[in-house]
Amino acid sequence: MRAGFAILLIALSGCVKATEFTGSAHVEEGRAGCERKCAGQGLAMTGMVYMGEYSSACMCEVPGAPTTGGTAPSAAAGGAASGVAMQMRRMQEQQQQQQHQALN
């Protein structure tokens, strides 16, 4: 029974990993940077989300594709930007905890 519990615990521990983002949370050069990023993927820039000090994101779409009135891309980019902001907060909390533990 202990072996079964240990195997279950090990299997579940691999599923708990949080999503990690790499690179800058901001698009360098703002709109111009977004236009280059979208064009580099063969896409057209349709918008940009800016969340102050937390993050920014580009919204791109296939050129000539039917639009949805702008609401769906905005919602998707907002969700991605929120994910970046949450990861940044987690990282700050982890750093603070490590500093606190180092002092004790």
C-alpha atoms as a PDB file:
ATOM      1  CA  MET A   1       0.000   0.000   0.000  1.00  0.00           C
ATOM      2  CA  ARG A   2       2.843   2.400   0.796  1.00  0.00           C
ATOM      3  CA  ALA A   3       4.450   1.653  -2.558  1.00  0.00           C
ATOM      4  CA  GLY A   4       1.182   2.433  -4.348  1.00  0.00           C
ATOM      5  CA  PHE A   5       0.820   5.705  -2.464  1.00  0.00           C
ATOM      6  CA  ALA A   6       4.435   6.643  -3.248  1.00  0.00           C
ATOM      7  CA  ILE A   7       3.917   5.937  -6.961  1.00  0.00           C
ATOM      8  CA  LEU A   8       0.736   8.001  -6.983  1.00  0.00           C
ATOM      9  CA  LEU A   9       2.469  10.870  -5.194  1.00  0.00           C
ATOM     10  CA  ILE A  10       5.383  10.841  -7.636  1.00  0.00           C
ATOM     11  CA  ALA A  11       3.045  10.717 -10.636  1.00  0.00           C
ATOM     12  CA  LEU A  12       0.977  13.634  -9.380  1.00  0.00           C
ATOM     13  CA  SER A  13       3.985  15.768  -8.502  1.00  0.00           C
ATOM     14  CA  GLY A  14       4.837  16.014 -12.198  1.00  0.00           C
ATOM     15  CA  CYS A  15       1.393  17.461 -12.972  1.00  0.00           C
ATOM     16  CA  VAL A  16       1.582  20.366 -10.561  1.00  0.00           C
ATOM     17  CA  LYS A  17       4.200  22.449 -12.365  1.00  0.00           C
ATOM     18  CA  ALA A  18       3.018  25.980 -13.081  1.00  0.00           C
ATOM     19  CA  THR A  19       3.235  27.531 -16.526  1.00  0.00           C
ATOM     20  CA  GLU A  20       6.454  29.446 -17.002  1.00  0.00           C
ATOM     21  CA  PHE A  21       7.055  32.346 -19.350  1.00  0.00           C
ATOM     22  CA  THR A  22      10.490  33.331 -20.557  1.00  0.00           C
ATOM     23  CA  GLY A  23      11.815  36.569 -21.974  1.00  0.00           C
ATOM     24  CA  SER A  24      10.632  40.088 -21.406  1.00  0.00           C
ATOM     25  CA  ALA A  25       7.047  40.708 -20.320  1.00  0.00           C
ATOM     26  CA  HIS A  26       7.012  43.792 -22.538  1.00  0.00           C
ATOM     27  CA  VAL A  27       7.174  44.186 -26.297  1.00  0.00           C
ATOM     28  CA  GLU A  28      10.272  46.203 -27.097  1.00  0.00           C
ATOM     29  CA  GLU A  29       9.578  49.359 -29.102  1.00  0.00           C
ATOM     30  CA  GLY A  30       5.828  49.149 -28.473  1.00  0.00           C
ATOM     31  CA  ARG A  31       3.648  49.289 -31.556  1.00  0.00           C
ATOM     32  CA  ALA A  32       6.569  49.214 -34.003  1.00  0.00           C
ATOM     33  CA  GLY A  33       7.890  46.090 -32.266  1.00  0.00           C
ATOM     34  CA  CYS A  34       4.460  44.431 -32.481  1.00  0.00           C
ATOM     35  CA  GLU A  35       4.155  45.252 -36.170  1.00  0.00           C
ATOM     36  CA  ARG A  36       7.563  43.638 -36.823  1.00  0.00           C
ATOM     37  CA  LYS A  37       6.740  40.560 -34.704  1.00  0.00           C
ATOM     38  CA  CYS A  38       3.415  40.006 -36.472  1.00  0.00           C
ATOM     39  CA  ALA A  39       4.882  40.604 -39.951  1.00  0.00           C
ATOM     40  CA  GLY A  40       7.728  38.206 -39.138  1.00  0.00           C
ATOM     41  CA  GLN A  41       5.125  35.456 -38.692  1.00  0.00           C
ATOM     42  CA  GLY A  42       3.224  36.393 -41.863  1.00  0.00           C
ATOM     43  CA  LEU A  43       0.449  38.024 -39.823  1.00  0.00           C
ATOM     44  CA  ALA A  44      -1.076  41.493 -39.587  1.00  0.00           C
ATOM     45  CA  MET A  45      -1.127  43.417 -36.320  1.00  0.00           C
ATOM     46  CA  THR A  46      -4.670  44.077 -35.144  1.00  0.00           C
ATOM     47  CA  GLY A  47      -3.964  45.555 -31.738  1.00  0.00           C
ATOM     48  CA  MET A  48      -1.836  45.694 -28.630  1.00  0.00           C
ATOM     49  CA  VAL A  49      -2.563  45.243 -24.947  1.00  0.00           C
ATOM     50  CA  TYR A  50      -0.547  47.286 -22.462  1.00  0.00           C
ATOM     51  CA  MET A  51      -0.826  46.528 -18.743  1.00  0.00           C
ATOM     52  CA  GLY A  52       1.522  49.184 -17.387  1.00  0.00           C
ATOM     53  CA  GLU A  53       4.517  47.842 -15.508  1.00  0.00           C
ATOM     54  CA  TYR A  54       3.259  44.243 -15.694  1.00  0.00           C
ATOM     55  CA  SER A  55       3.249  43.350 -19.380  1.00  0.00           C
ATOM     56  CA  SER A  56       2.285  44.148 -22.936  1.00  0.00           C
ATOM     57  CA  ALA A  57       1.219  41.872 -25.777  1.00  0.00           C
ATOM     58  CA  CYS A  58       0.638  41.975 -29.517  1.00  0.00           C
ATOM     59  CA  MET A  59      -2.544  40.837 -31.223  1.00  0.00           C
ATOM     60  CA  CYS A  60      -1.981  39.451 -34.707  1.00  0.00           C
ATOM     61  CA  GLU A  61      -4.247  37.737 -37.202  1.00  0.00           C
ATOM     62  CA  VAL A  62      -4.089  36.154 -40.618  1.00  0.00           C
ATOM     63  CA  PRO A  63      -4.335  38.937 -43.240  1.00  0.00           C
ATOM     64  CA  GLY A  64      -7.746  39.000 -44.905  1.00  0.00           C
ATOM     65  CA  ALA A  65      -9.350  36.720 -42.305  1.00  0.00           C
ATOM     66  CA  PRO A  66     -12.887  37.632 -41.231  1.00  0.00           C
ATOM     67  CA  THR A  67     -12.816  39.689 -38.049  1.00  0.00           C
ATOM     68  CA  THR A  68     -14.892  39.183 -34.937  1.00  0.00           C
ATOM     69  CA  GLY A  69     -15.321  42.835 -34.108  1.00  0.00           C
ATOM     70  CA  GLY A  70     -12.131  42.926 -32.066  1.00  0.00           C
ATOM     71  CA  THR A  71     -13.507  41.371 -28.881  1.00  0.00           C
ATOM     72  CA  ALA A  72     -12.087  37.844 -29.161  1.00  0.00           C
ATOM     73  CA  PRO A  73      -8.452  38.883 -29.860  1.00  0.00           C
ATOM     74  CA  SER A  74      -8.604  41.435 -27.047  1.00  0.00           C
ATOM     75  CA  ALA A  75      -9.878  38.837 -24.596  1.00  0.00           C
ATOM     76  CA  ALA A  76      -7.172  36.356 -25.618  1.00  0.00           C
ATOM     77  CA  ALA A  77      -4.379  38.908 -25.284  1.00  0.00           C
ATOM     78  CA  GLY A  78      -5.748  40.074 -21.940  1.00  0.00           C
ATOM     79  CA  GLY A  79      -5.704  36.498 -20.668  1.00  0.00           C
ATOM     80  CA  ALA A  80      -2.115  36.015 -21.791  1.00  0.00           C
ATOM     81  CA  ALA A  81      -1.041  39.293 -20.204  1.00  0.00           C
ATOM     82  CA  SER A  82      -2.756  38.290 -16.963  1.00  0.00           C
ATOM     83  CA  GLY A  83      -0.818  35.020 -16.977  1.00  0.00           C
ATOM     84  CA  VAL A  84       2.455  36.891 -17.334  1.00  0.00           C
ATOM     85  CA  ALA A  85       1.529  39.254 -14.503  1.00  0.00           C
ATOM     86  CA  MET A  86       0.605  36.349 -12.214  1.00  0.00           C
ATOM     87  CA  GLN A  87       3.902  34.594 -12.924  1.00  0.00           C
ATOM     88  CA  MET A  88       5.826  37.785 -12.185  1.00  0.00           C
ATOM     89  CA  ARG A  89       4.049  38.106  -8.840  1.00  0.00           C
ATOM     90  CA  ARG A  90       4.808  34.456  -8.000  1.00  0.00           C
ATOM     91  CA  MET A  91       8.474  35.014  -8.809  1.00  0.00           C
ATOM     92  CA  GLN A  92       8.575  38.117  -6.587  1.00  0.00           C
ATOM     93  CA  GLU A  93       6.938  36.197  -3.745  1.00  0.00           C
ATOM     94  CA  GLN A  94       9.437  33.353  -4.122  1.00  0.00           C
ATOM     95  CA  GLN A  95      12.343  35.806  -4.050  1.00  0.00           C
ATOM     96  CA  GLN A  96      10.964  37.448  -0.922  1.00  0.00           C
ATOM     97  CA  GLN A  97      10.539  34.066   0.751  1.00  0.00           C
ATOM     98  CA  GLN A  98      14.107  33.088  -0.145  1.00  0.00           C
ATOM     99  CA  GLN A  99      15.426  36.382   1.223  1.00  0.00           C
ATOM    100  CA  HIS A 100      13.410  35.916   4.404  1.00  0.00           C
ATOM    101  CA  GLN A 101      14.735  32.372   4.838  1.00  0.00           C
ATOM    102  CA  ALA A 102      18.294  33.554   4.244  1.00  0.00           C
ATOM    103  CA  LEU A 103      17.934  36.123   7.024  1.00  0.00           C
ATOM    104  CA  ASN A 104      16.622  33.567   9.525  1.00  0.00           C
END
